[in-house]
Amino acid sequence: MLAYRHAFHAGNHADVLKHAIALYCLDYLQQKPVGLTVVDTHAGAGRYSVDAKLVRDKAEYQTGVGRLWPMKDANMPGLIRDYMAQIRLVNDEQLQYLPGSALMLAQQLRPIDSLRACEIHPTDHPILQETLAPFGRKVKALKSDGFVQLKAALPPISRRALVLMDPSFEIKTDYDKAITALRDAVARFASGCYVIWLPMLQRFEVDRFVRQVMNMPVANKLHVAFRVRDPLKDGLGLMGSHVIVLNPPYGLEQACREAMPWLVKQLGQDPSASFELLKEAKPFVPAASAKGTSGRSGPTRRTRSPAGTSSTPRSRPPQ
């Protein structure tokens, strides 16, 4: 959608959640000394100044990154502490810049990794190119539909990939396009790590999308729902975010269980603020190999809570 500019929402609660989870996944996958292909399907401009008009108009970062910036890192859960470390890399004493997903992912890449950052907006793409230029040839800012680019990127030669998919969902067709692209990607490369964001809205399309993603033919899934406020009186407005991870890395569930109560406390905007975690693990057997299996789901665990705090374990076996 060419009218959409992520600058309006840069650094808000949704960015905090999805970027923190994406960075955790990247960090975990990098523990194995094999090259990793990273695809950011909707990269935006890559970096945003808090003084830019589009950012100032809504200033959503003030109830997201802006609330976390003054806090001491030692008091943060590990998932958020690592995320804020990426924010601090592009700032000095004052919060001046809000790095987008593509910039934070690029900052964390190893020489053996590559990034395809996709942005089709004619204004944002040149800015993204300039932002990512210092990272060299393995980091590409592509003026391309991110959904289409997935077909070119998957499966990667190294058989290891991280995909961040976060379209704006400001038009209803985004839901169907995202599901179609994700199904095709999983069919091509079922073992990839997919981080999918979508807004928490009172819309049928959101509930259907969550069900469709959770029914993808992937053995392990983690659904994080983060509610920051009630809907407006007319039932409209962003209430929070959903992040679903297909093939979540070891330790992510625990890291989220420790971080989410803290995030609810820090970023919640009214008493309805809460979170919910759903971890699903079930055997997936392709149709050609299904003989002799029950097809029943494995354990599903659900947690819902309004508050708490802890830290993230850093010892994780490589995947």
C-alpha atoms as a PDB file:
ATOM      1  CA  MET A   1       0.000   0.000   0.000  1.00  0.00           C
ATOM      2  CA  LEU A   2       1.825   3.106  -1.257  1.00  0.00           C
ATOM      3  CA  ALA A   3      -0.068   5.497   1.042  1.00  0.00           C
ATOM      4  CA  TYR A   4       1.323   3.727   4.114  1.00  0.00           C
ATOM      5  CA  ARG A   5       4.433   5.171   5.754  1.00  0.00           C
ATOM      6  CA  HIS A   6       5.871   3.318   8.722  1.00  0.00           C
ATOM      7  CA  ALA A   7       7.332   6.568  10.058  1.00  0.00           C
ATOM      8  CA  PHE A   8       3.920   7.309  11.607  1.00  0.00           C
ATOM      9  CA  HIS A   9       4.300   4.256  13.856  1.00  0.00           C
ATOM     10  CA  ALA A  10       8.086   3.947  14.247  1.00  0.00           C
ATOM     11  CA  GLY A  11       9.210   2.920  17.709  1.00  0.00           C
ATOM     12  CA  ASN A  12       5.725   2.171  19.041  1.00  0.00           C
ATOM     13  CA  HIS A  13       4.743  -0.817  21.175  1.00  0.00           C
ATOM     14  CA  ALA A  14       4.315  -2.984  18.068  1.00  0.00           C
ATOM     15  CA  ASP A  15       7.872  -2.271  16.938  1.00  0.00           C
ATOM     16  CA  VAL A  16       9.215  -3.077  20.394  1.00  0.00           C
ATOM     17  CA  LEU A  17       7.564  -6.496  20.419  1.00  0.00           C
ATOM     18  CA  LYS A  18       8.238  -7.672  16.869  1.00  0.00           C
ATOM     19  CA  HIS A  19      11.783  -6.312  16.670  1.00  0.00           C
ATOM     20  CA  ALA A  20      12.782  -7.782  20.035  1.00  0.00           C
ATOM     21  CA  ILE A  21      11.502 -11.201  18.977  1.00  0.00           C
ATOM     22  CA  ALA A  22      13.115 -11.005  15.522  1.00  0.00           C
ATOM     23  CA  LEU A  23      16.485 -10.066  17.032  1.00  0.00           C
ATOM     24  CA  TYR A  24      16.288 -12.948  19.501  1.00  0.00           C
ATOM     25  CA  CYS A  25      15.633 -15.349  16.630  1.00  0.00           C
ATOM     26  CA  LEU A  26      18.559 -13.949  14.653  1.00  0.00           C
ATOM     27  CA  ASP A  27      20.908 -14.187  17.630  1.00  0.00           C
ATOM     28  CA  TYR A  28      19.946 -17.797  18.232  1.00  0.00           C
ATOM     29  CA  LEU A  29      20.286 -18.885  14.607  1.00  0.00           C
ATOM     30  CA  GLN A  30      23.734 -17.297  14.445  1.00  0.00           C
ATOM     31  CA  GLN A  31      25.067 -19.677  17.068  1.00  0.00           C
ATOM     32  CA  LYS A  32      25.642 -22.190  14.297  1.00  0.00           C
ATOM     33  CA  PRO A  33      28.647 -21.305  12.054  1.00  0.00           C
ATOM     34  CA  VAL A  34      26.646 -21.495   8.832  1.00  0.00           C
ATOM     35  CA  GLY A  35      25.550 -18.588   6.652  1.00  0.00           C
ATOM     36  CA  LEU A  36      22.037 -17.300   7.263  1.00  0.00           C
ATOM     37  CA  THR A  37      19.657 -15.688   4.781  1.00  0.00           C
ATOM     38  CA  VAL A  38      17.476 -12.979   6.323  1.00  0.00           C
ATOM     39  CA  VAL A  39      14.446 -11.541   4.511  1.00  0.00           C
ATOM     40  CA  ASP A  40      12.623  -8.428   5.726  1.00  0.00           C
ATOM     41  CA  THR A  41       9.498  -8.288   3.567  1.00  0.00           C
ATOM     42  CA  HIS A  42       8.392  -4.753   4.512  1.00  0.00           C
ATOM     43  CA  ALA A  43      11.483  -2.854   5.591  1.00  0.00           C
ATOM     44  CA  GLY A  44      10.325   0.767   5.461  1.00  0.00           C
ATOM     45  CA  ALA A  45      12.968   3.495   5.440  1.00  0.00           C
ATOM     46  CA  GLY A  46      15.335   1.700   7.812  1.00  0.00           C
ATOM     47  CA  ARG A  47      15.835   4.610  10.200  1.00  0.00           C
ATOM     48  CA  TYR A  48      13.637   7.466  11.440  1.00  0.00           C
ATOM     49  CA  SER A  49      14.491  10.728  13.154  1.00  0.00           C
ATOM     50  CA  VAL A  50      12.235  11.692  16.046  1.00  0.00           C
ATOM     51  CA  ASP A  51      12.332  15.226  14.607  1.00  0.00           C
ATOM     52  CA  ALA A  52      10.919  14.167  11.220  1.00  0.00           C
ATOM     53  CA  LYS A  53       7.413  15.472  10.572  1.00  0.00           C
ATOM     54  CA  LEU A  54       5.903  12.041   9.893  1.00  0.00           C
ATOM     55  CA  VAL A  55       7.261  10.774  13.204  1.00  0.00           C
ATOM     56  CA  ARG A  56       6.243  13.892  15.146  1.00  0.00           C
ATOM     57  CA  ASP A  57       2.681  13.883  13.808  1.00  0.00           C
ATOM     58  CA  LYS A  58       1.665  10.908  15.935  1.00  0.00           C
ATOM     59  CA  ALA A  59       4.798  10.492  18.076  1.00  0.00           C
ATOM     60  CA  GLU A  60       3.838   6.887  18.802  1.00  0.00           C
ATOM     61  CA  TYR A  61       7.415   6.164  19.851  1.00  0.00           C
ATOM     62  CA  GLN A  62       6.743   8.124  23.046  1.00  0.00           C
ATOM     63  CA  THR A  63       4.570   5.264  24.333  1.00  0.00           C
ATOM     64  CA  GLY A  64       7.018   2.633  23.048  1.00  0.00           C
ATOM     65  CA  VAL A  65      10.781   3.067  22.777  1.00  0.00           C
ATOM     66  CA  GLY A  66      10.485   6.495  24.394  1.00  0.00           C
ATOM     67  CA  ARG A  67       9.291   4.946  27.657  1.00  0.00           C
ATOM     68  CA  LEU A  68      12.113   2.391  27.685  1.00  0.00           C
ATOM     69  CA  TRP A  69      14.942   4.726  26.688  1.00  0.00           C
ATOM     70  CA  PRO A  70      15.524   6.335  30.151  1.00  0.00           C
ATOM     71  CA  MET A  71      15.516   2.989  31.964  1.00  0.00           C
ATOM     72  CA  LYS A  72      18.659   1.195  33.033  1.00  0.00           C
ATOM     73  CA  ASP A  73      19.415  -1.851  30.921  1.00  0.00           C
ATOM     74  CA  ALA A  74      20.183  -3.895  34.033  1.00  0.00           C
ATOM     75  CA  ASN A  75      16.539  -3.580  35.108  1.00  0.00           C
ATOM     76  CA  MET A  76      15.170  -4.916  31.819  1.00  0.00           C
ATOM     77  CA  PRO A  77      14.346  -8.522  30.884  1.00  0.00           C
ATOM     78  CA  GLY A  78      17.006  -9.950  28.586  1.00  0.00           C
ATOM     79  CA  LEU A  79      14.751  -9.944  25.510  1.00  0.00           C
ATOM     80  CA  ILE A  80      14.207  -6.188  25.829  1.00  0.00           C
ATOM     81  CA  ARG A  81      17.739  -5.403  26.989  1.00  0.00           C
ATOM     82  CA  ASP A  82      19.173  -6.894  23.791  1.00  0.00           C
ATOM     83  CA  TYR A  83      16.650  -4.959  21.707  1.00  0.00           C
ATOM     84  CA  MET A  84      17.482  -1.683  23.427  1.00  0.00           C
ATOM     85  CA  ALA A  85      21.179  -2.333  22.784  1.00  0.00           C
ATOM     86  CA  GLN A  86      20.400  -2.021  19.062  1.00  0.00           C
ATOM     87  CA  ILE A  87      18.547   1.254  19.696  1.00  0.00           C
ATOM     88  CA  ARG A  88      21.509   2.644  21.618  1.00  0.00           C
ATOM     89  CA  LEU A  89      23.908   1.780  18.781  1.00  0.00           C
ATOM     90  CA  VAL A  90      22.449   4.562  16.623  1.00  0.00           C
ATOM     91  CA  ASN A  91      21.996   7.146  19.383  1.00  0.00           C
ATOM     92  CA  ASP A  92      24.154   9.083  21.816  1.00  0.00           C
ATOM     93  CA  GLU A  93      22.855  10.419  25.117  1.00  0.00           C
ATOM     94  CA  GLN A  94      19.505  11.518  23.697  1.00  0.00           C
ATOM     95  CA  LEU A  95      17.024   9.431  21.739  1.00  0.00           C
ATOM     96  CA  GLN A  96      17.306  10.922  18.271  1.00  0.00           C
ATOM     97  CA  TYR A  97      16.873   7.992  15.875  1.00  0.00           C
ATOM     98  CA  LEU A  98      14.521   5.029  15.748  1.00  0.00           C
ATOM     99  CA  PRO A  99      16.152   2.168  13.829  1.00  0.00           C
ATOM    100  CA  GLY A 100      13.798   0.076  11.738  1.00  0.00           C
ATOM    101  CA  SER A 101      13.920  -3.688  11.472  1.00  0.00           C
ATOM    102  CA  ALA A 102      16.260  -3.724   8.467  1.00  0.00           C
ATOM    103  CA  LEU A 103      18.887  -1.569  10.166  1.00  0.00           C
ATOM    104  CA  MET A 104      18.813  -3.564  13.391  1.00  0.00           C
ATOM    105  CA  LEU A 105      19.052  -6.858  11.529  1.00  0.00           C
ATOM    106  CA  ALA A 106      21.929  -5.514   9.422  1.00  0.00           C
ATOM    107  CA  GLN A 107      23.779  -4.347  12.533  1.00  0.00           C
ATOM    108  CA  GLN A 108      23.664  -7.877  13.922  1.00  0.00           C
ATOM    109  CA  LEU A 109      24.719  -9.787  10.781  1.00  0.00           C
ATOM    110  CA  ARG A 110      27.955 -11.765  10.516  1.00  0.00           C
ATOM    111  CA  PRO A 111      30.127 -11.620   7.360  1.00  0.00           C
ATOM    112  CA  ILE A 112      28.693 -14.983   6.271  1.00  0.00           C
ATOM    113  CA  ASP A 113      25.073 -13.786   6.521  1.00  0.00           C
ATOM    114  CA  SER A 114      22.967 -11.877   4.001  1.00  0.00           C
ATOM    115  CA  LEU A 115      19.905  -9.629   4.177  1.00  0.00           C
ATOM    116  CA  ARG A 116      17.228  -8.850   1.617  1.00  0.00           C
ATOM    117  CA  ALA A 117      15.314  -5.805   2.813  1.00  0.00           C
ATOM    118  CA  CYS A 118      12.274  -5.106   0.641  1.00  0.00           C
ATOM    119  CA  GLU A 119      10.478  -1.791   0.322  1.00  0.00           C
ATOM    120  CA  ILE A 120       8.288  -0.773  -2.588  1.00  0.00           C
ATOM    121  CA  HIS A 121       7.382   2.779  -1.517  1.00  0.00           C
ATOM    122  CA  PRO A 122       9.084   5.239  -3.925  1.00  0.00           C
ATOM    123  CA  THR A 123      10.016   7.653  -1.139  1.00  0.00           C
ATOM    124  CA  ASP A 124      11.141   5.177   1.513  1.00  0.00           C
ATOM    125  CA  HIS A 125      13.182   2.900  -0.753  1.00  0.00           C
ATOM    126  CA  PRO A 126      15.957   5.427  -1.574  1.00  0.00           C
ATOM    127  CA  ILE A 127      16.255   6.222   2.144  1.00  0.00           C
ATOM    128  CA  LEU A 128      16.506   2.511   2.903  1.00  0.00           C
ATOM    129  CA  GLN A 129      19.245   2.156   0.276  1.00  0.00           C
ATOM    130  CA  GLU A 130      21.239   4.960   1.850  1.00  0.00           C
ATOM    131  CA  THR A 131      20.730   3.570   5.347  1.00  0.00           C
ATOM    132  CA  LEU A 132      21.954   0.086   4.417  1.00  0.00           C
ATOM    133  CA  ALA A 133      24.745   1.096   2.005  1.00  0.00           C
ATOM    134  CA  PRO A 134      27.518   0.962   4.670  1.00  0.00           C
ATOM    135  CA  PHE A 135      26.877  -2.748   5.262  1.00  0.00           C
ATOM    136  CA  GLY A 136      28.186  -3.904   1.879  1.00  0.00           C
ATOM    137  CA  ARG A 137      26.977  -6.116  -0.943  1.00  0.00           C
ATOM    138  CA  LYS A 138      25.446  -8.849   1.215  1.00  0.00           C
ATOM    139  CA  VAL A 139      22.895  -6.393   2.554  1.00  0.00           C
ATOM    140  CA  LYS A 140      20.486  -5.406  -0.212  1.00  0.00           C
ATOM    141  CA  ALA A 141      17.728  -2.811  -0.211  1.00  0.00           C
ATOM    142  CA  LEU A 142      15.372  -4.094  -2.879  1.00  0.00           C
ATOM    143  CA  LYS A 143      12.598  -2.055  -4.470  1.00  0.00           C
ATOM    144  CA  SER A 144      10.415  -5.112  -4.599  1.00  0.00           C
ATOM    145  CA  ASP A 145       7.216  -6.601  -3.253  1.00  0.00           C
ATOM    146  CA  GLY A 146       8.400  -8.528  -0.217  1.00  0.00           C
ATOM    147  CA  PHE A 147       5.907 -11.322  -0.823  1.00  0.00           C
ATOM    148  CA  VAL A 148       7.313 -11.856  -4.318  1.00  0.00           C
ATOM    149  CA  GLN A 149      10.885 -11.667  -3.059  1.00  0.00           C
ATOM    150  CA  LEU A 150      10.288 -14.647  -0.767  1.00  0.00           C
ATOM    151  CA  LYS A 151      10.052 -16.868  -3.832  1.00  0.00           C
ATOM    152  CA  ALA A 152      13.487 -15.736  -4.985  1.00  0.00           C
ATOM    153  CA  ALA A 153      15.070 -16.116  -1.550  1.00  0.00           C
ATOM    154  CA  LEU A 154      13.705 -19.502  -0.481  1.00  0.00           C
ATOM    155  CA  PRO A 155      14.986 -22.093  -0.087  1.00  0.00           C
ATOM    156  CA  PRO A 156      18.443 -20.644   0.649  1.00  0.00           C
ATOM    157  CA  ILE A 157      21.584 -22.525  -0.344  1.00  0.00           C
ATOM    158  CA  SER A 158      22.661 -22.762   3.304  1.00  0.00           C
ATOM    159  CA  ARG A 159      19.231 -24.186   4.268  1.00  0.00           C
ATOM    160  CA  ARG A 160      19.009 -21.620   7.061  1.00  0.00           C
ATOM    161  CA  ALA A 161      16.748 -18.576   6.915  1.00  0.00           C
ATOM    162  CA  LEU A 162      14.952 -16.008   9.036  1.00  0.00           C
ATOM    163  CA  VAL A 163      11.945 -14.190   7.588  1.00  0.00           C
ATOM    164  CA  LEU A 164      10.314 -11.132   9.139  1.00  0.00           C
ATOM    165  CA  MET A 165       6.884 -10.527   7.608  1.00  0.00           C
ATOM    166  CA  ASP A 166       5.066  -7.413   8.777  1.00  0.00           C
ATOM    167  CA  PRO A 167       2.900  -5.747   6.121  1.00  0.00           C
ATOM    168  CA  SER A 168       0.786  -2.783   7.153  1.00  0.00           C
ATOM    169  CA  PHE A 169      -2.532  -4.693   6.933  1.00  0.00           C
ATOM    170  CA  GLU A 170      -4.200  -1.349   6.238  1.00  0.00           C
ATOM    171  CA  ILE A 171      -6.162  -2.883   3.362  1.00  0.00           C
ATOM    172  CA  LYS A 172      -8.088  -6.134   3.661  1.00  0.00           C
ATOM    173  CA  THR A 173      -6.286  -7.802   0.740  1.00  0.00           C
ATOM    174  CA  ASP A 174      -3.040  -7.735   2.771  1.00  0.00           C
ATOM    175  CA  TYR A 175      -4.356 -10.618   4.867  1.00  0.00           C
ATOM    176  CA  ASP A 176      -4.913 -12.917   1.893  1.00  0.00           C
ATOM    177  CA  LYS A 177      -1.663 -11.861   0.222  1.00  0.00           C
ATOM    178  CA  ALA A 178       0.318 -12.554   3.380  1.00  0.00           C
ATOM    179  CA  ILE A 179      -1.261 -15.973   3.909  1.00  0.00           C
ATOM    180  CA  THR A 180      -0.674 -16.957   0.278  1.00  0.00           C
ATOM    181  CA  ALA A 181       2.963 -15.853   0.442  1.00  0.00           C
ATOM    182  CA  LEU A 182       3.526 -17.589   3.764  1.00  0.00           C
ATOM    183  CA  ARG A 183       1.987 -20.850   2.588  1.00  0.00           C
ATOM    184  CA  ASP A 184       4.196 -20.800  -0.492  1.00  0.00           C
ATOM    185  CA  ALA A 185       7.279 -20.014   1.617  1.00  0.00           C
ATOM    186  CA  VAL A 186       6.570 -22.858   4.038  1.00  0.00           C
ATOM    187  CA  ALA A 187       5.999 -25.232   1.119  1.00  0.00           C
ATOM    188  CA  ARG A 188       9.385 -24.219  -0.277  1.00  0.00           C
ATOM    189  CA  PHE A 189      11.243 -24.171   3.022  1.00  0.00           C
ATOM    190  CA  ALA A 190       9.359 -25.605   5.993  1.00  0.00           C
ATOM    191  CA  SER A 191      12.331 -25.472   8.370  1.00  0.00           C
ATOM    192  CA  GLY A 192      12.829 -21.702   8.143  1.00  0.00           C
ATOM    193  CA  CYS A 193      12.171 -19.420  11.099  1.00  0.00           C
ATOM    194  CA  TYR A 194       9.245 -17.121  10.257  1.00  0.00           C
ATOM    195  CA  VAL A 195       8.325 -14.118  12.414  1.00  0.00           C
ATOM    196  CA  ILE A 196       4.896 -12.788  11.440  1.00  0.00           C
ATOM    197  CA  TRP A 197       3.399  -9.608  12.884  1.00  0.00           C
ATOM    198  CA  LEU A 198      -0.181  -8.409  12.611  1.00  0.00           C
ATOM    199  CA  PRO A 199      -2.212  -5.748  14.390  1.00  0.00           C
ATOM    200  CA  MET A 200      -4.621  -6.535  17.203  1.00  0.00           C
ATOM    201  CA  LEU A 201      -7.903  -5.176  15.882  1.00  0.00           C
ATOM    202  CA  GLN A 202     -11.578  -6.038  16.282  1.00  0.00           C
ATOM    203  CA  ARG A 203     -11.780  -7.433  12.771  1.00  0.00           C
ATOM    204  CA  PHE A 204     -12.760 -10.846  11.476  1.00  0.00           C
ATOM    205  CA  GLU A 205      -9.725 -10.857   9.198  1.00  0.00           C
ATOM    206  CA  VAL A 206      -7.339 -10.743  12.161  1.00  0.00           C
ATOM    207  CA  ASP A 207      -8.881 -13.734  13.933  1.00  0.00           C
ATOM    208  CA  ARG A 208      -8.994 -15.707  10.696  1.00  0.00           C
ATOM    209  CA  PHE A 209      -5.371 -14.850   9.910  1.00  0.00           C
ATOM    210  CA  VAL A 210      -4.201 -16.065  13.321  1.00  0.00           C
ATOM    211  CA  ARG A 211      -6.061 -19.362  12.847  1.00  0.00           C
ATOM    212  CA  GLN A 212      -4.630 -19.808   9.359  1.00  0.00           C
ATOM    213  CA  VAL A 213      -1.055 -19.222  10.485  1.00  0.00           C
ATOM    214  CA  MET A 214      -1.433 -21.500  13.499  1.00  0.00           C
ATOM    215  CA  ASN A 215      -2.685 -24.208  11.124  1.00  0.00           C
ATOM    216  CA  MET A 216       0.392 -24.002   8.902  1.00  0.00           C
ATOM    217  CA  PRO A 217       2.115 -27.384   8.359  1.00  0.00           C
ATOM    218  CA  VAL A 218       4.982 -26.589  10.731  1.00  0.00           C
ATOM    219  CA  ALA A 219       5.642 -28.610  13.862  1.00  0.00           C
ATOM    220  CA  ASN A 220       6.287 -25.782  16.333  1.00  0.00           C
ATOM    221  CA  LYS A 221       4.605 -22.401  16.693  1.00  0.00           C
ATOM    222  CA  LEU A 222       4.612 -19.627  19.278  1.00  0.00           C
ATOM    223  CA  HIS A 223       1.858 -16.997  19.375  1.00  0.00           C
ATOM    224  CA  VAL A 224       2.443 -13.869  21.457  1.00  0.00           C
ATOM    225  CA  ALA A 225      -0.542 -11.532  21.870  1.00  0.00           C
ATOM    226  CA  PHE A 226       0.226  -8.150  23.461  1.00  0.00           C
ATOM    227  CA  ARG A 227      -2.716  -5.905  24.333  1.00  0.00           C
ATOM    228  CA  VAL A 228      -1.886  -2.355  25.403  1.00  0.00           C
ATOM    229  CA  ARG A 229      -5.398  -0.869  25.632  1.00  0.00           C
ATOM    230  CA  ASP A 230      -9.100  -1.264  24.994  1.00  0.00           C
ATOM    231  CA  PRO A 231     -10.501  -0.395  21.564  1.00  0.00           C
ATOM    232  CA  LEU A 232     -11.981   3.044  21.032  1.00  0.00           C
ATOM    233  CA  LYS A 233     -15.681   3.595  21.747  1.00  0.00           C
ATOM    234  CA  ASP A 234     -16.514   2.944  18.098  1.00  0.00           C
ATOM    235  CA  GLY A 235     -14.679  -0.387  18.303  1.00  0.00           C
ATOM    236  CA  LEU A 236     -11.883   0.823  16.058  1.00  0.00           C
ATOM    237  CA  GLY A 237      -8.226   1.511  16.741  1.00  0.00           C
ATOM    238  CA  LEU A 238      -5.100  -0.534  17.338  1.00  0.00           C
ATOM    239  CA  MET A 239      -5.356  -2.384  20.645  1.00  0.00           C
ATOM    240  CA  GLY A 240      -1.997  -4.150  20.452  1.00  0.00           C
ATOM    241  CA  SER A 241      -0.129  -6.719  18.403  1.00  0.00           C
ATOM    242  CA  HIS A 242       0.140 -10.370  17.542  1.00  0.00           C
ATOM    243  CA  VAL A 243       3.479 -11.977  16.741  1.00  0.00           C
ATOM    244  CA  ILE A 244       3.491 -15.583  15.563  1.00  0.00           C
ATOM    245  CA  VAL A 245       6.765 -17.435  15.144  1.00  0.00           C
ATOM    246  CA  LEU A 246       6.922 -20.589  13.057  1.00  0.00           C
ATOM    247  CA  ASN A 247       9.813 -22.799  14.183  1.00  0.00           C
ATOM    248  CA  PRO A 248      10.591 -20.616  17.216  1.00  0.00           C
ATOM    249  CA  PRO A 249      14.162 -21.021  18.485  1.00  0.00           C
ATOM    250  CA  TYR A 250      15.008 -22.655  21.767  1.00  0.00           C
ATOM    251  CA  GLY A 251      14.447 -20.353  24.720  1.00  0.00           C
ATOM    252  CA  LEU A 252      12.179 -17.847  22.966  1.00  0.00           C
ATOM    253  CA  GLU A 253       9.068 -18.987  24.802  1.00  0.00           C
ATOM    254  CA  GLN A 254      10.787 -18.596  28.170  1.00  0.00           C
ATOM    255  CA  ALA A 255      12.267 -15.242  27.164  1.00  0.00           C
ATOM    256  CA  CYS A 256       8.772 -14.011  26.258  1.00  0.00           C
ATOM    257  CA  ARG A 257       7.260 -15.356  29.480  1.00  0.00           C
ATOM    258  CA  GLU A 258       9.795 -13.300  31.395  1.00  0.00           C
ATOM    259  CA  ALA A 259       9.600 -10.164  29.243  1.00  0.00           C
ATOM    260  CA  MET A 260       5.879  -9.828  28.576  1.00  0.00           C
ATOM    261  CA  PRO A 261       4.671  -9.071  32.130  1.00  0.00           C
ATOM    262  CA  TRP A 262       7.333  -6.360  32.302  1.00  0.00           C
ATOM    263  CA  LEU A 263       6.274  -4.936  28.924  1.00  0.00           C
ATOM    264  CA  VAL A 264       2.630  -4.897  30.017  1.00  0.00           C
ATOM    265  CA  LYS A 265       3.631  -2.856  33.050  1.00  0.00           C
ATOM    266  CA  GLN A 266       5.839  -0.440  31.100  1.00  0.00           C
ATOM    267  CA  LEU A 267       3.882  -0.014  27.855  1.00  0.00           C
ATOM    268  CA  GLY A 268       0.298  -0.696  28.895  1.00  0.00           C
ATOM    269  CA  GLN A 269      -1.977   2.297  28.287  1.00  0.00           C
ATOM    270  CA  ASP A 270      -5.013   1.346  30.372  1.00  0.00           C
ATOM    271  CA  PRO A 271      -6.093  -1.352  32.871  1.00  0.00           C
ATOM    272  CA  SER A 272      -6.963  -3.785  30.058  1.00  0.00           C
ATOM    273  CA  ALA A 273      -3.267  -4.189  29.153  1.00  0.00           C
ATOM    274  CA  SER A 274      -2.304  -7.868  29.169  1.00  0.00           C
ATOM    275  CA  PHE A 275      -0.559 -10.582  27.219  1.00  0.00           C
ATOM    276  CA  GLU A 276      -1.159 -14.159  26.165  1.00  0.00           C
ATOM    277  CA  LEU A 277       1.265 -16.849  25.037  1.00  0.00           C
ATOM    278  CA  LEU A 278       0.289 -19.941  23.106  1.00  0.00           C
ATOM    279  CA  LYS A 279       2.932 -22.564  22.398  1.00  0.00           C
ATOM    280  CA  GLU A 280       1.933 -25.350  20.041  1.00  0.00           C
ATOM    281  CA  ALA A 281       4.033 -28.399  19.277  1.00  0.00           C
ATOM    282  CA  LYS A 282       2.629 -31.189  17.185  1.00  0.00           C
ATOM    283  CA  PRO A 283       4.035 -33.757  14.783  1.00  0.00           C
ATOM    284  CA  PHE A 284       3.666 -32.749  11.160  1.00  0.00           C
ATOM    285  CA  VAL A 285       3.761 -35.604   8.677  1.00  0.00           C
ATOM    286  CA  PRO A 286       3.469 -34.898   4.934  1.00  0.00           C
ATOM    287  CA  ALA A 287       0.532 -36.635   3.281  1.00  0.00           C
ATOM    288  CA  ALA A 288       2.789 -39.075   1.438  1.00  0.00           C
ATOM    289  CA  SER A 289       4.263 -40.247   4.747  1.00  0.00           C
ATOM    290  CA  ALA A 290       1.223 -40.072   6.994  1.00  0.00           C
ATOM    291  CA  LYS A 291       0.516 -43.817   7.133  1.00  0.00           C
ATOM    292  CA  GLY A 292       0.742 -45.199  10.629  1.00  0.00           C
ATOM    293  CA  THR A 293       0.447 -41.862  12.442  1.00  0.00           C
ATOM    294  CA  SER A 294      -2.404 -40.663  14.574  1.00  0.00           C
ATOM    295  CA  GLY A 295      -2.268 -37.062  13.360  1.00  0.00           C
ATOM    296  CA  ARG A 296      -3.169 -35.834  16.841  1.00  0.00           C
ATOM    297  CA  SER A 297      -1.719 -32.616  18.139  1.00  0.00           C
ATOM    298  CA  GLY A 298       0.972 -32.584  20.757  1.00  0.00           C
ATOM    299  CA  PRO A 299       0.901 -30.384  23.854  1.00  0.00           C
ATOM    300  CA  THR A 300      -0.475 -26.863  23.663  1.00  0.00           C
ATOM    301  CA  ARG A 301       0.338 -24.462  26.479  1.00  0.00           C
ATOM    302  CA  ARG A 302      -1.400 -21.141  27.071  1.00  0.00           C
ATOM    303  CA  THR A 303      -0.418 -18.414  29.509  1.00  0.00           C
ATOM    304  CA  ARG A 304      -2.244 -15.172  30.200  1.00  0.00           C
ATOM    305  CA  SER A 305      -1.065 -12.572  32.671  1.00  0.00           C
ATOM    306  CA  PRO A 306      -1.044  -8.828  33.342  1.00  0.00           C
ATOM    307  CA  ALA A 307       2.297  -8.266  35.102  1.00  0.00           C
ATOM    308  CA  GLY A 308       5.688  -9.542  36.373  1.00  0.00           C
ATOM    309  CA  THR A 309       9.453  -9.387  35.670  1.00  0.00           C
ATOM    310  CA  SER A 310      12.549 -11.521  35.207  1.00  0.00           C
ATOM    311  CA  SER A 311      15.564 -11.946  32.914  1.00  0.00           C
ATOM    312  CA  THR A 312      16.284 -13.984  29.802  1.00  0.00           C
ATOM    313  CA  PRO A 313      18.490 -17.100  29.933  1.00  0.00           C
ATOM    314  CA  ARG A 314      21.471 -16.685  27.626  1.00  0.00           C
ATOM    315  CA  SER A 315      22.655 -20.297  27.529  1.00  0.00           C
ATOM    316  CA  ARG A 316      21.005 -21.986  24.554  1.00  0.00           C
ATOM    317  CA  PRO A 317      22.119 -24.984  22.523  1.00  0.00           C
ATOM    318  CA  PRO A 318      22.563 -24.224  18.808  1.00  0.00           C
ATOM    319  CA  GLN A 319      19.762 -25.297  16.502  1.00  0.00           C
END
